[in-house]
Amino acid sequence: MNKRLFSIALALVLMLGCCAFAASKSVAVGDVTDAKVTGTTSSTGAEVPADFAVTPVAVTETTKAVVDDIAKAAEAGDLPTFFGATAMAEIAAKVPNVDVGSLKLDEVFPFTDVNYTGSIGDVTVNMRLTKDYKVGDVIVALIGVLTAGNVAWTPIDATVVDGGEVAVTLPQAILEAGATNELVFALLSE
């Protein structure tokens, strides 16, 4: 009887461990090729140039360290410490009825903007990502701007639109920073 109970308990522990391991590996990390921009709009009403693009890029040595660090923090359930108190307070303001400590990392990848001019202001970009999101899902997007070995994380407006795409509003300051700095996109969800 005790051997049978022990065997059942051991099987449960192994099964839960495998499920937790599989869940921790569900983050889309690194060289993401499934992030496709499907539309853009400008906050100033100016026409977004046809050659403007927001594109995932290959992981560099610098962005690899950031991507690896955020993936480790997500796996350890420690995203609040990773992003810091200021970013977490800004996240809380964007999703006021959500325990921000319970948000999980879904996507993280380096990206660049091409042919941006300040005259178009903030740009809202619709992206198809690796996960199929549903309208009403709680999501928070953050952009990391890498400067001199540091990363400054800024939560930005994001929402799920019809068809499972994610619409994110990239502020002018971040797009301008992308001209001389590497950028990393991260998406958290409930």
C-alpha atoms as a PDB file:
ATOM      1  CA  MET A   1       0.000   0.000   0.000  1.00  0.00           C
ATOM      2  CA  ASN A   2       2.766   2.462   0.917  1.00  0.00           C
ATOM      3  CA  LYS A   3       4.721   1.607  -2.232  1.00  0.00           C
ATOM      4  CA  ARG A   4       1.641   2.275  -4.342  1.00  0.00           C
ATOM      5  CA  LEU A   5       0.985   5.604  -2.609  1.00  0.00           C
ATOM      6  CA  PHE A   6       4.647   6.544  -2.978  1.00  0.00           C
ATOM      7  CA  SER A   7       4.559   5.637  -6.700  1.00  0.00           C
ATOM      8  CA  ILE A   8       1.470   7.781  -7.260  1.00  0.00           C
ATOM      9  CA  ALA A   9       3.009  10.704  -5.391  1.00  0.00           C
ATOM     10  CA  LEU A  10       6.250  10.386  -7.358  1.00  0.00           C
ATOM     11  CA  ALA A  11       4.339  10.243 -10.656  1.00  0.00           C
ATOM     12  CA  LEU A  12       2.423  13.409  -9.688  1.00  0.00           C
ATOM     13  CA  VAL A  13       5.605  15.271  -8.754  1.00  0.00           C
ATOM     14  CA  LEU A  14       7.267  14.290 -12.039  1.00  0.00           C
ATOM     15  CA  MET A  15       4.187  15.218 -14.052  1.00  0.00           C
ATOM     16  CA  LEU A  16       3.886  18.635 -12.370  1.00  0.00           C
ATOM     17  CA  GLY A  17       7.595  19.248 -12.843  1.00  0.00           C
ATOM     18  CA  CYS A  18       7.345  18.455 -16.560  1.00  0.00           C
ATOM     19  CA  CYS A  19       4.298  20.716 -16.929  1.00  0.00           C
ATOM     20  CA  ALA A  20       6.086  23.584 -15.179  1.00  0.00           C
ATOM     21  CA  PHE A  21       9.149  23.069 -17.389  1.00  0.00           C
ATOM     22  CA  ALA A  22       7.000  23.046 -20.525  1.00  0.00           C
ATOM     23  CA  ALA A  23       5.148  26.175 -19.392  1.00  0.00           C
ATOM     24  CA  SER A  24       8.389  28.027 -18.751  1.00  0.00           C
ATOM     25  CA  LYS A  25       9.501  27.231 -22.310  1.00  0.00           C
ATOM     26  CA  SER A  26       6.384  28.754 -23.905  1.00  0.00           C
ATOM     27  CA  VAL A  27       7.999  32.184 -24.168  1.00  0.00           C
ATOM     28  CA  ALA A  28       8.822  33.208 -27.718  1.00  0.00           C
ATOM     29  CA  VAL A  29      12.421  34.309 -27.256  1.00  0.00           C
ATOM     30  CA  GLY A  30      15.090  35.672 -29.501  1.00  0.00           C
ATOM     31  CA  ASP A  31      15.131  35.459 -33.276  1.00  0.00           C
ATOM     32  CA  VAL A  32      11.391  35.825 -33.820  1.00  0.00           C
ATOM     33  CA  THR A  33      10.391  35.687 -37.452  1.00  0.00           C
ATOM     34  CA  ASP A  34       6.645  35.470 -36.823  1.00  0.00           C
ATOM     35  CA  ALA A  35       6.304  39.128 -35.785  1.00  0.00           C
ATOM     36  CA  LYS A  36       4.883  40.752 -38.878  1.00  0.00           C
ATOM     37  CA  VAL A  37       3.702  44.360 -39.137  1.00  0.00           C
ATOM     38  CA  THR A  38       0.288  44.430 -40.792  1.00  0.00           C
ATOM     39  CA  GLY A  39      -0.520  48.141 -40.571  1.00  0.00           C
ATOM     40  CA  THR A  40       0.569  51.496 -39.209  1.00  0.00           C
ATOM     41  CA  THR A  41      -1.061  54.790 -38.261  1.00  0.00           C
ATOM     42  CA  SER A  42       0.417  58.118 -37.163  1.00  0.00           C
ATOM     43  CA  SER A  43      -0.545  60.171 -34.098  1.00  0.00           C
ATOM     44  CA  THR A  44      -0.054  63.456 -35.955  1.00  0.00           C
ATOM     45  CA  GLY A  45      -2.270  62.532 -38.871  1.00  0.00           C
ATOM     46  CA  ALA A  46       0.734  62.665 -41.184  1.00  0.00           C
ATOM     47  CA  GLU A  47       0.971  59.867 -43.680  1.00  0.00           C
ATOM     48  CA  VAL A  48       3.292  57.088 -42.560  1.00  0.00           C
ATOM     49  CA  PRO A  49       5.893  56.721 -45.331  1.00  0.00           C
ATOM     50  CA  ALA A  50       5.587  53.543 -47.368  1.00  0.00           C
ATOM     51  CA  ASP A  51       9.222  52.703 -46.572  1.00  0.00           C
ATOM     52  CA  PHE A  52       8.745  52.991 -42.789  1.00  0.00           C
ATOM     53  CA  ALA A  53       9.084  49.602 -41.102  1.00  0.00           C
ATOM     54  CA  VAL A  54       9.226  48.035 -37.667  1.00  0.00           C
ATOM     55  CA  THR A  55      11.064  44.757 -38.031  1.00  0.00           C
ATOM     56  CA  PRO A  56      12.387  42.037 -35.727  1.00  0.00           C
ATOM     57  CA  VAL A  57      16.147  41.733 -36.135  1.00  0.00           C
ATOM     58  CA  ALA A  58      18.704  39.053 -35.401  1.00  0.00           C
ATOM     59  CA  VAL A  59      19.913  38.843 -31.828  1.00  0.00           C
ATOM     60  CA  THR A  60      23.242  40.610 -31.307  1.00  0.00           C
ATOM     61  CA  GLU A  61      25.675  39.975 -28.475  1.00  0.00           C
ATOM     62  CA  THR A  62      24.165  42.918 -26.578  1.00  0.00           C
ATOM     63  CA  THR A  63      20.516  42.047 -27.136  1.00  0.00           C
ATOM     64  CA  LYS A  64      21.192  38.363 -26.429  1.00  0.00           C
ATOM     65  CA  ALA A  65      22.232  39.273 -22.883  1.00  0.00           C
ATOM     66  CA  VAL A  66      19.000  41.248 -22.403  1.00  0.00           C
ATOM     67  CA  VAL A  67      16.824  38.523 -23.936  1.00  0.00           C
ATOM     68  CA  ASP A  68      18.543  35.852 -21.816  1.00  0.00           C
ATOM     69  CA  ASP A  69      18.194  37.924 -18.624  1.00  0.00           C
ATOM     70  CA  ILE A  70      14.480  38.591 -19.128  1.00  0.00           C
ATOM     71  CA  ALA A  71      13.842  34.925 -19.994  1.00  0.00           C
ATOM     72  CA  LYS A  72      15.628  33.865 -16.777  1.00  0.00           C
ATOM     73  CA  ALA A  73      13.620  36.381 -14.732  1.00  0.00           C
ATOM     74  CA  ALA A  74      10.393  35.110 -16.295  1.00  0.00           C
ATOM     75  CA  GLU A  75      11.333  31.504 -15.596  1.00  0.00           C
ATOM     76  CA  ALA A  76      12.075  32.416 -11.969  1.00  0.00           C
ATOM     77  CA  GLY A  77       8.797  34.366 -11.684  1.00  0.00           C
ATOM     78  CA  ASP A  78      10.750  37.537 -10.935  1.00  0.00           C
ATOM     79  CA  LEU A  79       9.710  39.998 -13.643  1.00  0.00           C
ATOM     80  CA  PRO A  80       8.897  42.776 -11.120  1.00  0.00           C
ATOM     81  CA  THR A  81      12.521  42.852  -9.935  1.00  0.00           C
ATOM     82  CA  PHE A  82      13.807  42.619 -13.500  1.00  0.00           C
ATOM     83  CA  PHE A  83      11.815  45.615 -14.771  1.00  0.00           C
ATOM     84  CA  GLY A  84      12.170  47.639 -11.575  1.00  0.00           C
ATOM     85  CA  ALA A  85       9.757  49.632  -9.433  1.00  0.00           C
ATOM     86  CA  THR A  86       9.291  52.542 -11.852  1.00  0.00           C
ATOM     87  CA  ALA A  87       8.353  50.359 -14.827  1.00  0.00           C
ATOM     88  CA  MET A  88       6.118  48.177 -12.636  1.00  0.00           C
ATOM     89  CA  ALA A  89       4.255  51.281 -11.392  1.00  0.00           C
ATOM     90  CA  GLU A  90       3.747  52.368 -15.007  1.00  0.00           C
ATOM     91  CA  ILE A  91       2.528  48.865 -15.886  1.00  0.00           C
ATOM     92  CA  ALA A  92       0.089  48.975 -12.958  1.00  0.00           C
ATOM     93  CA  ALA A  93      -1.292  52.274 -14.271  1.00  0.00           C
ATOM     94  CA  LYS A  94      -1.921  50.654 -17.678  1.00  0.00           C
ATOM     95  CA  VAL A  95      -3.729  47.625 -16.193  1.00  0.00           C
ATOM     96  CA  PRO A  96      -5.137  48.936 -12.892  1.00  0.00           C
ATOM     97  CA  ASN A  97      -7.259  45.910 -11.956  1.00  0.00           C
ATOM     98  CA  VAL A  98      -4.501  43.349 -12.475  1.00  0.00           C
ATOM     99  CA  ASP A  99      -1.887  41.998 -10.076  1.00  0.00           C
ATOM    100  CA  VAL A 100       1.161  43.021 -12.120  1.00  0.00           C
ATOM    101  CA  GLY A 101       3.285  40.504 -10.264  1.00  0.00           C
ATOM    102  CA  SER A 102       1.226  37.742 -11.874  1.00  0.00           C
ATOM    103  CA  LEU A 103       1.904  38.830 -15.456  1.00  0.00           C
ATOM    104  CA  LYS A 104       3.931  36.389 -17.512  1.00  0.00           C
ATOM    105  CA  LEU A 105       6.315  36.958 -20.386  1.00  0.00           C
ATOM    106  CA  ASP A 106       4.960  35.817 -23.753  1.00  0.00           C
ATOM    107  CA  GLU A 107       7.250  37.395 -26.326  1.00  0.00           C
ATOM    108  CA  VAL A 108      10.669  39.049 -26.340  1.00  0.00           C
ATOM    109  CA  PHE A 109      12.794  39.995 -29.336  1.00  0.00           C
ATOM    110  CA  PRO A 110      15.061  42.754 -30.611  1.00  0.00           C
ATOM    111  CA  PHE A 111      13.638  45.001 -33.312  1.00  0.00           C
ATOM    112  CA  THR A 112      14.415  48.107 -35.275  1.00  0.00           C
ATOM    113  CA  ASP A 113      12.492  50.889 -36.926  1.00  0.00           C
ATOM    114  CA  VAL A 114      13.502  51.926 -40.424  1.00  0.00           C
ATOM    115  CA  ASN A 115      12.986  55.280 -42.131  1.00  0.00           C
ATOM    116  CA  TYR A 116      11.307  56.984 -39.175  1.00  0.00           C
ATOM    117  CA  THR A 117      10.929  60.746 -39.224  1.00  0.00           C
ATOM    118  CA  GLY A 118       9.751  62.762 -36.224  1.00  0.00           C
ATOM    119  CA  SER A 119       7.056  64.458 -38.292  1.00  0.00           C
ATOM    120  CA  ILE A 120       4.864  61.366 -38.026  1.00  0.00           C
ATOM    121  CA  GLY A 121       4.932  61.417 -34.191  1.00  0.00           C
ATOM    122  CA  ASP A 122       3.888  58.276 -32.315  1.00  0.00           C
ATOM    123  CA  VAL A 123       3.148  55.307 -34.557  1.00  0.00           C
ATOM    124  CA  THR A 124       0.618  52.589 -33.830  1.00  0.00           C
ATOM    125  CA  VAL A 125       1.716  49.312 -35.355  1.00  0.00           C
ATOM    126  CA  ASN A 126      -0.413  46.191 -35.717  1.00  0.00           C
ATOM    127  CA  MET A 127       1.677  43.045 -35.355  1.00  0.00           C
ATOM    128  CA  ARG A 128       0.972  39.367 -35.727  1.00  0.00           C
ATOM    129  CA  LEU A 129       3.049  37.638 -33.056  1.00  0.00           C
ATOM    130  CA  THR A 130       3.748  33.991 -32.245  1.00  0.00           C
ATOM    131  CA  LYS A 131       0.826  33.605 -29.829  1.00  0.00           C
ATOM    132  CA  ASP A 132      -2.783  33.938 -30.951  1.00  0.00           C
ATOM    133  CA  TYR A 133      -4.288  36.611 -28.682  1.00  0.00           C
ATOM    134  CA  LYS A 134      -7.995  37.287 -28.206  1.00  0.00           C
ATOM    135  CA  VAL A 135      -9.756  40.638 -27.942  1.00  0.00           C
ATOM    136  CA  GLY A 136     -10.089  41.387 -24.228  1.00  0.00           C
ATOM    137  CA  ASP A 137      -6.840  39.625 -23.235  1.00  0.00           C
ATOM    138  CA  VAL A 138      -4.826  41.672 -20.746  1.00  0.00           C
ATOM    139  CA  ILE A 139      -1.481  42.504 -22.325  1.00  0.00           C
ATOM    140  CA  VAL A 140       1.307  44.960 -21.586  1.00  0.00           C
ATOM    141  CA  ALA A 141       4.062  45.808 -24.050  1.00  0.00           C
ATOM    142  CA  LEU A 142       7.425  47.198 -23.017  1.00  0.00           C
ATOM    143  CA  ILE A 143      10.274  48.577 -25.068  1.00  0.00           C
ATOM    144  CA  GLY A 144      13.816  48.323 -23.794  1.00  0.00           C
ATOM    145  CA  VAL A 145      16.221  50.952 -25.117  1.00  0.00           C
ATOM    146  CA  LEU A 146      19.832  49.795 -24.770  1.00  0.00           C
ATOM    147  CA  THR A 147      22.312  52.592 -24.102  1.00  0.00           C
ATOM    148  CA  ALA A 148      25.880  52.211 -22.844  1.00  0.00           C
ATOM    149  CA  GLY A 149      25.255  48.765 -21.380  1.00  0.00           C
ATOM    150  CA  ASN A 150      22.014  49.775 -19.632  1.00  0.00           C
ATOM    151  CA  VAL A 151      18.418  49.022 -20.539  1.00  0.00           C
ATOM    152  CA  ALA A 152      15.628  51.512 -19.877  1.00  0.00           C
ATOM    153  CA  TRP A 153      12.231  49.776 -20.014  1.00  0.00           C
ATOM    154  CA  THR A 154       9.168  51.792 -20.989  1.00  0.00           C
ATOM    155  CA  PRO A 155       5.659  50.307 -20.877  1.00  0.00           C
ATOM    156  CA  ILE A 156       3.711  51.371 -23.973  1.00  0.00           C
ATOM    157  CA  ASP A 157       0.058  51.210 -24.983  1.00  0.00           C
ATOM    158  CA  ALA A 158      -0.955  47.832 -26.375  1.00  0.00           C
ATOM    159  CA  THR A 159      -4.239  46.113 -27.105  1.00  0.00           C
ATOM    160  CA  VAL A 160      -5.471  43.031 -28.914  1.00  0.00           C
ATOM    161  CA  VAL A 161      -7.459  43.809 -32.044  1.00  0.00           C
ATOM    162  CA  ASP A 162      -9.707  41.656 -34.230  1.00  0.00           C
ATOM    163  CA  GLY A 163      -7.895  38.712 -35.740  1.00  0.00           C
ATOM    164  CA  GLY A 164      -5.562  38.210 -32.784  1.00  0.00           C
ATOM    165  CA  GLU A 165      -3.105  40.917 -33.761  1.00  0.00           C
ATOM    166  CA  VAL A 166      -1.535  43.199 -31.173  1.00  0.00           C
ATOM    167  CA  ALA A 167      -1.686  46.959 -31.755  1.00  0.00           C
ATOM    168  CA  VAL A 168       1.176  48.766 -29.999  1.00  0.00           C
ATOM    169  CA  THR A 169       1.784  52.507 -29.937  1.00  0.00           C
ATOM    170  CA  LEU A 170       5.458  53.287 -30.295  1.00  0.00           C
ATOM    171  CA  PRO A 171       6.204  56.737 -28.852  1.00  0.00           C
ATOM    172  CA  GLN A 172       8.188  59.195 -30.941  1.00  0.00           C
ATOM    173  CA  ALA A 173      10.989  59.306 -28.348  1.00  0.00           C
ATOM    174  CA  ILE A 174      11.503  55.531 -28.584  1.00  0.00           C
ATOM    175  CA  LEU A 175      11.401  55.529 -32.375  1.00  0.00           C
ATOM    176  CA  GLU A 176      13.967  58.327 -32.441  1.00  0.00           C
ATOM    177  CA  ALA A 177      16.131  56.456 -29.906  1.00  0.00           C
ATOM    178  CA  GLY A 178      16.042  53.471 -32.272  1.00  0.00           C
ATOM    179  CA  ALA A 179      18.118  55.429 -34.781  1.00  0.00           C
ATOM    180  CA  THR A 180      21.205  55.113 -32.548  1.00  0.00           C
ATOM    181  CA  ASN A 181      20.329  52.419 -29.985  1.00  0.00           C
ATOM    182  CA  GLU A 182      19.237  48.798 -30.042  1.00  0.00           C
ATOM    183  CA  LEU A 183      15.623  48.138 -29.049  1.00  0.00           C
ATOM    184  CA  VAL A 184      13.996  45.093 -27.433  1.00  0.00           C
ATOM    185  CA  PHE A 185      10.250  44.379 -27.453  1.00  0.00           C
ATOM    186  CA  ALA A 186       8.643  42.426 -24.608  1.00  0.00           C
ATOM    187  CA  LEU A 187       4.994  41.444 -24.230  1.00  0.00           C
ATOM    188  CA  LEU A 188       3.463  40.383 -20.916  1.00  0.00           C
ATOM    189  CA  SER A 189       0.015  38.882 -20.417  1.00  0.00           C
ATOM    190  CA  GLU A 190      -2.204  37.545 -17.672  1.00  0.00           C
END
